[in-house]
């Protein structure tokens, strides 16, 4: 399964907002330094879909706010 995520880094509060079944808006507290924000996004997606973190990968948009992730 592939999902689209729009990420806001450095937010005051963490927020996970589903837009549709495969699209999400996520705000994370971590900055976009040393891959910290991407790691947190992967953790949140894994928690939402109840899968291990190792089964979630960023396939497009490593350095962009708009990302495509693969689950499974």
PDB file of N, CA and C in Angstrom:
ATOM      1  N   UNK A   1       0.846  -1.175   0.000  1.00  0.00           N
ATOM      2  CA  UNK A   1       0.000   0.000   0.000  1.00  0.00           C
ATOM      3  C   UNK A   1       0.893   1.240   0.000  1.00  0.00           C
ATOM      4  N   UNK A   2       0.472   2.251  -0.693  1.00  0.00           N
ATOM      5  CA  UNK A   2       1.192   3.520  -0.706  1.00  0.00           C
ATOM      6  C   UNK A   2       0.310   4.601  -0.100  1.00  0.00           C
ATOM      7  N   UNK A   3       0.947   5.484   0.688  1.00  0.00           N
ATOM      8  CA  UNK A   3       0.218   6.602   1.275  1.00  0.00           C
ATOM      9  C   UNK A   3       0.958   7.897   0.975  1.00  0.00           C
ATOM     10  N   UNK A   4       0.199   8.980   0.912  1.00  0.00           N
ATOM     11  CA  UNK A   4       0.758  10.308   0.695  1.00  0.00           C
ATOM     12  C   UNK A   4       0.696  11.059   2.016  1.00  0.00           C
ATOM     13  N   UNK A   5       1.798  11.719   2.368  1.00  0.00           N
ATOM     14  CA  UNK A   5       1.882  12.436   3.637  1.00  0.00           C
ATOM     15  C   UNK A   5       2.392  13.844   3.370  1.00  0.00           C
ATOM     16  N   UNK A   6       1.745  14.819   3.968  1.00  0.00           N
ATOM     17  CA  UNK A   6       2.209  16.213   3.937  1.00  0.00           C
ATOM     18  C   UNK A   6       2.729  16.513   5.342  1.00  0.00           C
ATOM     19  N   UNK A   7       4.008  16.862   5.460  1.00  0.00           N
ATOM     20  CA  UNK A   7       4.666  16.987   6.763  1.00  0.00           C
ATOM     21  C   UNK A   7       5.018  18.436   7.064  1.00  0.00           C
ATOM     22  N   UNK A   8       4.763  18.825   8.313  1.00  0.00           N
ATOM     23  CA  UNK A   8       5.209  20.115   8.829  1.00  0.00           C
ATOM     24  C   UNK A   8       6.166  19.824   9.980  1.00  0.00           C
ATOM     25  N   UNK A   9       7.407  20.292   9.864  1.00  0.00           N
ATOM     26  CA  UNK A   9       8.408  20.022  10.888  1.00  0.00           C
ATOM     27  C   UNK A   9       8.537  21.203  11.839  1.00  0.00           C
ATOM     28  N   UNK A  10       9.072  20.951  13.014  1.00  0.00           N
ATOM     29  CA  UNK A  10       9.302  22.010  13.989  1.00  0.00           C
ATOM     30  C   UNK A  10       8.029  22.588  14.568  1.00  0.00           C
ATOM     31  N   UNK A  11       6.968  21.812  14.611  1.00  0.00           N
ATOM     32  CA  UNK A  11       5.687  22.293  15.139  1.00  0.00           C
ATOM     33  C   UNK A  11       5.713  22.309  16.670  1.00  0.00           C
ATOM     34  N   UNK A  12       4.866  23.138  17.254  1.00  0.00           N
ATOM     35  CA  UNK A  12       4.772  23.169  18.721  1.00  0.00           C
ATOM     36  C   UNK A  12       4.113  21.901  19.250  1.00  0.00           C
ATOM     37  N   UNK A  13       3.087  21.439  18.541  1.00  0.00           N
ATOM     38  CA  UNK A  13       2.370  20.236  18.954  1.00  0.00           C
ATOM     39  C   UNK A  13       2.385  19.221  17.828  1.00  0.00           C
ATOM     40  N   UNK A  14       2.492  17.977  18.210  1.00  0.00           N
ATOM     41  CA  UNK A  14       2.426  16.910  17.226  1.00  0.00           C
ATOM     42  C   UNK A  14       0.971  16.686  16.846  1.00  0.00           C
ATOM     43  N   UNK A  15       0.722  16.508  15.557  1.00  0.00           N
ATOM     44  CA  UNK A  15      -0.647  16.379  15.067  1.00  0.00           C
ATOM     45  C   UNK A  15      -0.672  15.356  13.936  1.00  0.00           C
ATOM     46  N   UNK A  16      -1.656  14.482  13.956  1.00  0.00           N
ATOM     47  CA  UNK A  16      -1.826  13.461  12.920  1.00  0.00           C
ATOM     48  C   UNK A  16      -3.251  13.579  12.413  1.00  0.00           C
ATOM     49  N   UNK A  17      -3.404  14.074  11.201  1.00  0.00           N
ATOM     50  CA  UNK A  17      -4.734  14.372  10.663  1.00  0.00           C
ATOM     51  C   UNK A  17      -4.978  13.602   9.364  1.00  0.00           C
ATOM     52  N   UNK A  18      -5.879  12.611   9.377  1.00  0.00           N
ATOM     53  CA  UNK A  18      -6.201  11.916   8.127  1.00  0.00           C
ATOM     54  C   UNK A  18      -6.999  12.816   7.184  1.00  0.00           C
ATOM     55  N   UNK A  19      -6.584  12.871   5.938  1.00  0.00           N
ATOM     56  CA  UNK A  19      -7.312  13.609   4.906  1.00  0.00           C
ATOM     57  C   UNK A  19      -8.223  12.640   4.160  1.00  0.00           C
ATOM     58  N   UNK A  20      -7.698  11.461   3.865  1.00  0.00           N
ATOM     59  CA  UNK A  20      -8.466  10.357   3.288  1.00  0.00           C
ATOM     60  C   UNK A  20      -7.845   9.066   3.816  1.00  0.00           C
ATOM     61  N   UNK A  21      -8.239   7.938   3.282  1.00  0.00           N
ATOM     62  CA  UNK A  21      -7.712   6.671   3.793  1.00  0.00           C
ATOM     63  C   UNK A  21      -6.231   6.473   3.467  1.00  0.00           C
ATOM     64  N   UNK A  22      -5.749   7.159   2.440  1.00  0.00           N
ATOM     65  CA  UNK A  22      -4.336   7.019   2.059  1.00  0.00           C
ATOM     66  C   UNK A  22      -3.601   8.349   2.020  1.00  0.00           C
ATOM     67  N   UNK A  23      -4.135   9.368   2.645  1.00  0.00           N
ATOM     68  CA  UNK A  23      -3.507  10.684   2.653  1.00  0.00           C
ATOM     69  C   UNK A  23      -3.606  11.285   4.051  1.00  0.00           C
ATOM     70  N   UNK A  24      -2.481  11.861   4.524  1.00  0.00           N
ATOM     71  CA  UNK A  24      -2.425  12.384   5.884  1.00  0.00           C
ATOM     72  C   UNK A  24      -1.686  13.710   5.928  1.00  0.00           C
ATOM     73  N   UNK A  25      -2.036  14.526   6.919  1.00  0.00           N
ATOM     74  CA  UNK A  25      -1.273  15.726   7.258  1.00  0.00           C
ATOM     75  C   UNK A  25      -0.688  15.481   8.633  1.00  0.00           C
ATOM     76  N   UNK A  26       0.633  15.602   8.738  1.00  0.00           N
ATOM     77  CA  UNK A  26       1.310  15.304   9.996  1.00  0.00           C
ATOM     78  C   UNK A  26       2.187  16.490  10.384  1.00  0.00           C
ATOM     79  N   UNK A  27       2.080  16.914  11.637  1.00  0.00           N
ATOM     80  CA  UNK A  27       2.979  17.911  12.207  1.00  0.00           C
ATOM     81  C   UNK A  27       3.822  17.206  13.260  1.00  0.00           C
ATOM     82  N   UNK A  28       5.135  17.396  13.182  1.00  0.00           N
ATOM     83  CA  UNK A  28       6.034  16.769  14.152  1.00  0.00           C
ATOM     84  C   UNK A  28       6.884  17.834  14.814  1.00  0.00           C
ATOM     85  N   UNK A  29       7.302  17.580  16.030  1.00  0.00           N
ATOM     86  CA  UNK A  29       8.113  18.538  16.781  1.00  0.00           C
ATOM     87  C   UNK A  29       9.556  18.556  16.296  1.00  0.00           C
ATOM     88  N   UNK A  30      10.034  17.444  15.768  1.00  0.00           N
ATOM     89  CA  UNK A  30      11.413  17.329  15.347  1.00  0.00           C
ATOM     90  C   UNK A  30      11.711  18.239  14.158  1.00  0.00           C
ATOM     91  N   UNK A  31      12.919  18.728  14.117  1.00  0.00           N
ATOM     92  CA  UNK A  31      13.379  19.534  12.991  1.00  0.00           C
ATOM     93  C   UNK A  31      13.779  18.608  11.842  1.00  0.00           C
ATOM     94  N   UNK A  32      13.912  19.179  10.679  1.00  0.00           N
ATOM     95  CA  UNK A  32      14.293  18.400   9.508  1.00  0.00           C
ATOM     96  C   UNK A  32      15.816  18.265   9.409  1.00  0.00           C
ATOM     97  N   UNK A  33      16.457  18.066  10.524  1.00  0.00           N
ATOM     98  CA  UNK A  33      17.905  17.886  10.578  1.00  0.00           C
ATOM     99  C   UNK A  33      18.229  16.442  10.921  1.00  0.00           C
ATOM    100  N   UNK A  34      19.238  15.907  10.254  1.00  0.00           N
ATOM    101  CA  UNK A  34      19.730  14.554  10.506  1.00  0.00           C
ATOM    102  C   UNK A  34      18.608  13.517  10.452  1.00  0.00           C
ATOM    103  N   UNK A  35      17.647  13.726   9.580  1.00  0.00           N
ATOM    104  CA  UNK A  35      16.577  12.771   9.303  1.00  0.00           C
ATOM    105  C   UNK A  35      15.628  12.546  10.491  1.00  0.00           C
ATOM    106  N   UNK A  36      15.647  13.404  11.495  1.00  0.00           N
ATOM    107  CA  UNK A  36      14.825  13.215  12.696  1.00  0.00           C
ATOM    108  C   UNK A  36      13.332  13.278  12.383  1.00  0.00           C
ATOM    109  N   UNK A  37      12.911  14.228  11.571  1.00  0.00           N
ATOM    110  CA  UNK A  37      11.492  14.366  11.244  1.00  0.00           C
ATOM    111  C   UNK A  37      11.005  13.173  10.421  1.00  0.00           C
ATOM    112  N   UNK A  38      11.798  12.705   9.485  1.00  0.00           N
ATOM    113  CA  UNK A  38      11.407  11.543   8.680  1.00  0.00           C
ATOM    114  C   UNK A  38      11.250  10.305   9.548  1.00  0.00           C
ATOM    115  N   UNK A  39      12.150  10.111  10.508  1.00  0.00           N
ATOM    116  CA  UNK A  39      12.048   8.956  11.406  1.00  0.00           C
ATOM    117  C   UNK A  39      10.751   9.013  12.212  1.00  0.00           C
ATOM    118  N   UNK A  40      10.394  10.193  12.691  1.00  0.00           N
ATOM    119  CA  UNK A  40       9.166  10.336  13.473  1.00  0.00           C
ATOM    120  C   UNK A  40       7.926  10.101  12.606  1.00  0.00           C
ATOM    121  N   UNK A  41       7.954  10.558  11.369  1.00  0.00           N
ATOM    122  CA  UNK A  41       6.829  10.335  10.455  1.00  0.00           C
ATOM    123  C   UNK A  41       6.639   8.836  10.227  1.00  0.00           C
ATOM    124  N   UNK A  42       7.727   8.119  10.022  1.00  0.00           N
ATOM    125  CA  UNK A  42       7.654   6.667   9.830  1.00  0.00           C
ATOM    126  C   UNK A  42       7.064   6.008  11.076  1.00  0.00           C
ATOM    127  N   UNK A  43       7.476   6.455  12.263  1.00  0.00           N
ATOM    128  CA  UNK A  43       6.931   5.902  13.511  1.00  0.00           C
ATOM    129  C   UNK A  43       5.423   6.133  13.609  1.00  0.00           C
ATOM    130  N   UNK A  44       4.973   7.335  13.296  1.00  0.00           N
ATOM    131  CA  UNK A  44       3.549   7.656  13.397  1.00  0.00           C
ATOM    132  C   UNK A  44       2.706   6.863  12.398  1.00  0.00           C
ATOM    133  N   UNK A  45       3.198   6.717  11.188  1.00  0.00           N
ATOM    134  CA  UNK A  45       2.478   5.922  10.182  1.00  0.00           C
ATOM    135  C   UNK A  45       2.420   4.463  10.617  1.00  0.00           C
ATOM    136  N   UNK A  46       3.513   3.935  11.147  1.00  0.00           N
ATOM    137  CA  UNK A  46       3.533   2.547  11.623  1.00  0.00           C
ATOM    138  C   UNK A  46       2.545   2.352  12.767  1.00  0.00           C
ATOM    139  N   UNK A  47       2.462   3.306  13.686  1.00  0.00           N
ATOM    140  CA  UNK A  47       1.499   3.213  14.781  1.00  0.00           C
ATOM    141  C   UNK A  47       0.060   3.250  14.270  1.00  0.00           C
ATOM    142  N   UNK A  48      -0.193   4.122  13.305  1.00  0.00           N
ATOM    143  CA  UNK A  48      -1.553   4.260  12.773  1.00  0.00           C
ATOM    144  C   UNK A  48      -2.027   2.969  12.095  1.00  0.00           C
ATOM    145  N   UNK A  49      -1.161   2.365  11.286  1.00  0.00           N
ATOM    146  CA  UNK A  49      -1.535   1.156  10.551  1.00  0.00           C
ATOM    147  C   UNK A  49      -1.231  -0.125  11.325  1.00  0.00           C
ATOM    148  N   UNK A  50      -0.676   0.009  12.546  1.00  0.00           N
ATOM    149  CA  UNK A  50      -0.361  -1.131  13.414  1.00  0.00           C
ATOM    150  C   UNK A  50       0.560  -2.137  12.734  1.00  0.00           C
ATOM    151  N   UNK A  51       1.642  -1.613  12.174  1.00  0.00           N
ATOM    152  CA  UNK A  51       2.676  -2.442  11.557  1.00  0.00           C
ATOM    153  C   UNK A  51       4.023  -2.064  12.178  1.00  0.00           C
ATOM    154  N   UNK A  52       5.035  -2.911  12.052  1.00  0.00           N
ATOM    155  CA  UNK A  52       6.356  -2.542  12.569  1.00  0.00           C
ATOM    156  C   UNK A  52       6.968  -1.400  11.763  1.00  0.00           C
ATOM    157  N   UNK A  53       7.818  -0.619  12.420  1.00  0.00           N
ATOM    158  CA  UNK A  53       8.460   0.517  11.739  1.00  0.00           C
ATOM    159  C   UNK A  53       9.284   0.063  10.541  1.00  0.00           C
ATOM    160  N   UNK A  54       9.824  -1.143  10.603  1.00  0.00           N
ATOM    161  CA  UNK A  54      10.674  -1.635   9.519  1.00  0.00           C
ATOM    162  C   UNK A  54       9.901  -1.912   8.240  1.00  0.00           C
ATOM    163  N   UNK A  55       8.569  -1.995   8.310  1.00  0.00           N
ATOM    164  CA  UNK A  55       7.787  -2.248   7.099  1.00  0.00           C
ATOM    165  C   UNK A  55       7.295  -0.963   6.439  1.00  0.00           C
ATOM    166  N   UNK A  56       7.669   0.204   6.991  1.00  0.00           N
ATOM    167  CA  UNK A  56       7.300   1.495   6.405  1.00  0.00           C
ATOM    168  C   UNK A  56       8.553   2.136   5.824  1.00  0.00           C
ATOM    169  N   UNK A  57       8.480   2.510   4.538  1.00  0.00           N
ATOM    170  CA  UNK A  57       9.622   3.143   3.872  1.00  0.00           C
ATOM    171  C   UNK A  57       9.180   4.387   3.127  1.00  0.00           C
ATOM    172  N   UNK A  58      10.041   5.386   3.118  1.00  0.00           N
ATOM    173  CA  UNK A  58       9.802   6.578   2.297  1.00  0.00           C
ATOM    174  C   UNK A  58      10.327   6.263   0.905  1.00  0.00           C
ATOM    175  N   UNK A  59       9.436   6.321  -0.091  1.00  0.00           N
ATOM    176  CA  UNK A  59       9.872   5.991  -1.446  1.00  0.00           C
ATOM    177  C   UNK A  59      10.079   7.230  -2.314  1.00  0.00           C
ATOM    178  N   UNK A  60       9.503   8.360  -1.899  1.00  0.00           N
ATOM    179  CA  UNK A  60       9.698   9.596  -2.649  1.00  0.00           C
ATOM    180  C   UNK A  60       9.503  10.775  -1.713  1.00  0.00           C
ATOM    181  N   UNK A  61      10.383  11.768  -1.799  1.00  0.00           N
ATOM    182  CA  UNK A  61      10.225  12.986  -1.029  1.00  0.00           C
ATOM    183  C   UNK A  61      11.016  13.024   0.264  1.00  0.00           C
ATOM    184  N   UNK A  62      12.182  12.404   0.275  1.00  0.00           N
ATOM    185  CA  UNK A  62      13.005  12.391   1.485  1.00  0.00           C
ATOM    186  C   UNK A  62      13.301  13.801   1.997  1.00  0.00           C
ATOM    187  N   UNK A  63      13.491  14.737   1.101  1.00  0.00           N
ATOM    188  CA  UNK A  63      13.846  16.107   1.495  1.00  0.00           C
ATOM    189  C   UNK A  63      12.742  17.112   1.228  1.00  0.00           C
ATOM    190  N   UNK A  64      11.535  16.621   0.989  1.00  0.00           N
ATOM    191  CA  UNK A  64      10.405  17.487   0.682  1.00  0.00           C
ATOM    192  C   UNK A  64       9.307  17.337   1.724  1.00  0.00           C
ATOM    193  N   UNK A  65       8.452  18.338   1.888  1.00  0.00           N
ATOM    194  CA  UNK A  65       7.331  18.211   2.828  1.00  0.00           C
ATOM    195  C   UNK A  65       6.274  17.220   2.358  1.00  0.00           C
ATOM    196  N   UNK A  66       6.189  16.976   1.065  1.00  0.00           N
ATOM    197  CA  UNK A  66       5.230  16.044   0.509  1.00  0.00           C
ATOM    198  C   UNK A  66       5.936  14.722   0.238  1.00  0.00           C
ATOM    199  N   UNK A  67       5.476  13.630   0.872  1.00  0.00           N
ATOM    200  CA  UNK A  67       6.169  12.352   0.793  1.00  0.00           C
ATOM    201  C   UNK A  67       5.211  11.252   0.381  1.00  0.00           C
ATOM    202  N   UNK A  68       5.752  10.220  -0.274  1.00  0.00           N
ATOM    203  CA  UNK A  68       5.034   8.993  -0.566  1.00  0.00           C
ATOM    204  C   UNK A  68       5.729   7.885   0.199  1.00  0.00           C
ATOM    205  N   UNK A  69       4.943   7.135   0.978  1.00  0.00           N
ATOM    206  CA  UNK A  69       5.462   6.053   1.776  1.00  0.00           C
ATOM    207  C   UNK A  69       4.859   4.732   1.337  1.00  0.00           C
ATOM    208  N   UNK A  70       5.647   3.679   1.468  1.00  0.00           N
ATOM    209  CA  UNK A  70       5.202   2.335   1.157  1.00  0.00           C
ATOM    210  C   UNK A  70       5.035   1.579   2.472  1.00  0.00           C
ATOM    211  N   UNK A  71       3.930   0.874   2.600  1.00  0.00           N
ATOM    212  CA  UNK A  71       3.654   0.092   3.807  1.00  0.00           C
ATOM    213  C   UNK A  71       3.508  -1.373   3.400  1.00  0.00           C
ATOM    214  N   UNK A  72       4.268  -2.221   4.061  1.00  0.00           N
ATOM    215  CA  UNK A  72       4.127  -3.653   3.808  1.00  0.00           C
ATOM    216  C   UNK A  72       5.318  -4.304   3.254  1.00  0.00           C
TER     217      UNK A  72
END
